[in-house]
Amino acid sequence: MELRIFAAAIAANMAAVSAAIALDQSLPAYQVVPAVSGQLKSVGSDTLNIEMTTWAKSFEDLYPAVNIEIESKGSATAPPALVQGTSQFAPMSRPMTAEDRRL
């Protein structure tokens, strides 16, 4: 009986998540804009390295004049990079701690 309840809870959760991330069909399709170039840097989570690399590759496919550097040395490196202005992105695979917020 407990397994049935667990399975039902998982199914309900998956349905709720799917509904929450449904795309608004009335939004227009994305249009690439010309002349986007420059440098972007991501400093942060090594756990999210694959996701950031995948995103960067897709972005660079659309905008080949943009160079994206990814430095994945851990979530603790993300907040200081933003505060110091050495990064535009700071992926973290954990919530910020009180120590992170004191920077």
C-alpha atoms as a PDB file:
ATOM      1  CA  MET A   1       0.000   0.000   0.000  1.00  0.00           C
ATOM      2  CA  GLU A   2       2.789   2.478   0.858  1.00  0.00           C
ATOM      3  CA  LEU A   3       4.427   1.866  -2.526  1.00  0.00           C
ATOM      4  CA  ARG A   4       1.150   2.783  -4.260  1.00  0.00           C
ATOM      5  CA  ILE A   5       0.922   6.051  -2.312  1.00  0.00           C
ATOM      6  CA  PHE A   6       4.556   6.826  -3.088  1.00  0.00           C
ATOM      7  CA  ALA A   7       4.016   6.138  -6.823  1.00  0.00           C
ATOM      8  CA  ALA A   8       0.907   8.346  -6.844  1.00  0.00           C
ATOM      9  CA  ALA A   9       2.789  11.151  -5.104  1.00  0.00           C
ATOM     10  CA  ILE A  10       5.627  10.940  -7.643  1.00  0.00           C
ATOM     11  CA  ALA A  11       3.162  10.978 -10.554  1.00  0.00           C
ATOM     12  CA  ALA A  12       1.331  14.003  -9.126  1.00  0.00           C
ATOM     13  CA  ASN A  13       4.603  15.825  -8.554  1.00  0.00           C
ATOM     14  CA  MET A  14       5.774  15.160 -12.110  1.00  0.00           C
ATOM     15  CA  ALA A  15       2.470  16.426 -13.512  1.00  0.00           C
ATOM     16  CA  ALA A  16       2.712  19.597 -11.419  1.00  0.00           C
ATOM     17  CA  VAL A  17       6.294  20.253 -12.504  1.00  0.00           C
ATOM     18  CA  SER A  18       5.389  19.697 -16.168  1.00  0.00           C
ATOM     19  CA  ALA A  19       2.524  22.173 -15.889  1.00  0.00           C
ATOM     20  CA  ALA A  20       4.742  24.705 -14.124  1.00  0.00           C
ATOM     21  CA  ILE A  21       7.342  24.709 -16.893  1.00  0.00           C
ATOM     22  CA  ALA A  22       4.935  24.649 -19.834  1.00  0.00           C
ATOM     23  CA  LEU A  23       5.839  27.241 -22.434  1.00  0.00           C
ATOM     24  CA  ASP A  24       3.486  30.078 -23.217  1.00  0.00           C
ATOM     25  CA  GLN A  25       2.439  29.265 -26.779  1.00  0.00           C
ATOM     26  CA  SER A  26       1.544  32.910 -27.433  1.00  0.00           C
ATOM     27  CA  LEU A  27       5.186  33.980 -27.152  1.00  0.00           C
ATOM     28  CA  PRO A  28       6.840  34.671 -30.509  1.00  0.00           C
ATOM     29  CA  ALA A  29       9.734  32.484 -31.645  1.00  0.00           C
ATOM     30  CA  TYR A  30      13.187  33.765 -30.685  1.00  0.00           C
ATOM     31  CA  GLN A  31      14.853  35.853 -33.365  1.00  0.00           C
ATOM     32  CA  VAL A  32      18.644  36.067 -33.537  1.00  0.00           C
ATOM     33  CA  VAL A  33      19.819  39.679 -33.552  1.00  0.00           C
ATOM     34  CA  PRO A  34      22.831  40.868 -35.564  1.00  0.00           C
ATOM     35  CA  ALA A  35      26.154  42.186 -34.297  1.00  0.00           C
ATOM     36  CA  VAL A  36      26.267  40.588 -30.858  1.00  0.00           C
ATOM     37  CA  SER A  37      29.878  40.173 -29.791  1.00  0.00           C
ATOM     38  CA  GLY A  38      32.075  40.249 -26.751  1.00  0.00           C
ATOM     39  CA  GLN A  39      33.269  38.251 -23.783  1.00  0.00           C
ATOM     40  CA  LEU A  40      31.267  36.512 -21.064  1.00  0.00           C
ATOM     41  CA  LYS A  41      32.650  34.636 -18.093  1.00  0.00           C
ATOM     42  CA  SER A  42      31.060  32.098 -15.780  1.00  0.00           C
ATOM     43  CA  VAL A  43      32.720  31.336 -12.436  1.00  0.00           C
ATOM     44  CA  GLY A  44      31.213  28.859 -10.034  1.00  0.00           C
ATOM     45  CA  SER A  45      29.934  25.344  -9.518  1.00  0.00           C
ATOM     46  CA  ASP A  46      31.895  22.414 -10.864  1.00  0.00           C
ATOM     47  CA  THR A  47      28.699  20.352 -10.516  1.00  0.00           C
ATOM     48  CA  LEU A  48      26.990  22.582 -13.099  1.00  0.00           C
ATOM     49  CA  ASN A  49      29.934  22.565 -15.522  1.00  0.00           C
ATOM     50  CA  ILE A  50      28.195  20.323 -18.068  1.00  0.00           C
ATOM     51  CA  GLU A  51      25.053  22.482 -18.048  1.00  0.00           C
ATOM     52  CA  MET A  52      27.034  25.712 -18.398  1.00  0.00           C
ATOM     53  CA  THR A  53      29.173  24.237 -21.196  1.00  0.00           C
ATOM     54  CA  THR A  54      26.055  23.052 -23.048  1.00  0.00           C
ATOM     55  CA  TRP A  55      24.417  26.462 -22.671  1.00  0.00           C
ATOM     56  CA  ALA A  56      27.595  28.269 -23.791  1.00  0.00           C
ATOM     57  CA  LYS A  57      27.939  26.073 -26.877  1.00  0.00           C
ATOM     58  CA  SER A  58      24.326  26.722 -27.872  1.00  0.00           C
ATOM     59  CA  PHE A  59      24.725  30.461 -27.299  1.00  0.00           C
ATOM     60  CA  GLU A  60      27.975  30.580 -29.289  1.00  0.00           C
ATOM     61  CA  ASP A  61      26.269  28.694 -32.140  1.00  0.00           C
ATOM     62  CA  LEU A  62      23.791  31.585 -32.367  1.00  0.00           C
ATOM     63  CA  TYR A  63      26.383  34.285 -31.699  1.00  0.00           C
ATOM     64  CA  PRO A  64      29.819  33.125 -32.890  1.00  0.00           C
ATOM     65  CA  ALA A  65      31.405  36.510 -32.101  1.00  0.00           C
ATOM     66  CA  VAL A  66      30.742  35.945 -28.381  1.00  0.00           C
ATOM     67  CA  ASN A  67      33.443  34.123 -26.441  1.00  0.00           C
ATOM     68  CA  ILE A  68      32.273  32.444 -23.242  1.00  0.00           C
ATOM     69  CA  GLU A  69      34.826  31.315 -20.673  1.00  0.00           C
ATOM     70  CA  ILE A  70      33.727  28.845 -18.009  1.00  0.00           C
ATOM     71  CA  GLU A  71      35.698  28.453 -14.779  1.00  0.00           C
ATOM     72  CA  SER A  72      34.269  25.633 -12.651  1.00  0.00           C
ATOM     73  CA  LYS A  73      36.064  25.588  -9.308  1.00  0.00           C
ATOM     74  CA  GLY A  74      33.115  25.208  -6.947  1.00  0.00           C
ATOM     75  CA  SER A  75      30.038  27.102  -5.779  1.00  0.00           C
ATOM     76  CA  ALA A  76      32.050  29.029  -3.178  1.00  0.00           C
ATOM     77  CA  THR A  77      33.903  30.821  -6.006  1.00  0.00           C
ATOM     78  CA  ALA A  78      30.677  32.224  -7.525  1.00  0.00           C
ATOM     79  CA  PRO A  79      29.715  35.070  -5.131  1.00  0.00           C
ATOM     80  CA  PRO A  80      33.207  36.628  -4.951  1.00  0.00           C
ATOM     81  CA  ALA A  81      33.463  36.588  -8.753  1.00  0.00           C
ATOM     82  CA  LEU A  82      30.223  38.541  -9.065  1.00  0.00           C
ATOM     83  CA  VAL A  83      31.130  41.007  -6.311  1.00  0.00           C
ATOM     84  CA  GLN A  84      34.585  41.604  -7.804  1.00  0.00           C
ATOM     85  CA  GLY A  85      33.122  42.000 -11.299  1.00  0.00           C
ATOM     86  CA  THR A  86      35.221  39.209 -12.779  1.00  0.00           C
ATOM     87  CA  SER A  87      32.198  37.176 -13.899  1.00  0.00           C
ATOM     88  CA  GLN A  88      28.783  37.824 -15.425  1.00  0.00           C
ATOM     89  CA  PHE A  89      27.425  34.381 -14.454  1.00  0.00           C
ATOM     90  CA  ALA A  90      27.852  32.602 -11.128  1.00  0.00           C
ATOM     91  CA  PRO A  91      26.243  29.160 -11.151  1.00  0.00           C
ATOM     92  CA  MET A  92      25.825  27.561  -7.730  1.00  0.00           C
ATOM     93  CA  SER A  93      24.667  24.017  -7.057  1.00  0.00           C
ATOM     94  CA  ARG A  94      23.664  24.895  -3.507  1.00  0.00           C
ATOM     95  CA  PRO A  95      21.854  27.757  -1.761  1.00  0.00           C
ATOM     96  CA  MET A  96      23.946  30.736  -0.728  1.00  0.00           C
ATOM     97  CA  THR A  97      25.193  30.591   2.823  1.00  0.00           C
ATOM     98  CA  ALA A  98      25.319  33.459   5.316  1.00  0.00           C
ATOM     99  CA  GLU A  99      29.058  33.632   4.634  1.00  0.00           C
ATOM    100  CA  ASP A 100      28.408  33.970   0.878  1.00  0.00           C
ATOM    101  CA  ARG A 101      26.066  36.886   1.559  1.00  0.00           C
ATOM    102  CA  ARG A 102      28.623  38.808   3.651  1.00  0.00           C
ATOM    103  CA  LEU A 103      30.838  39.511   0.643  1.00  0.00           C
END
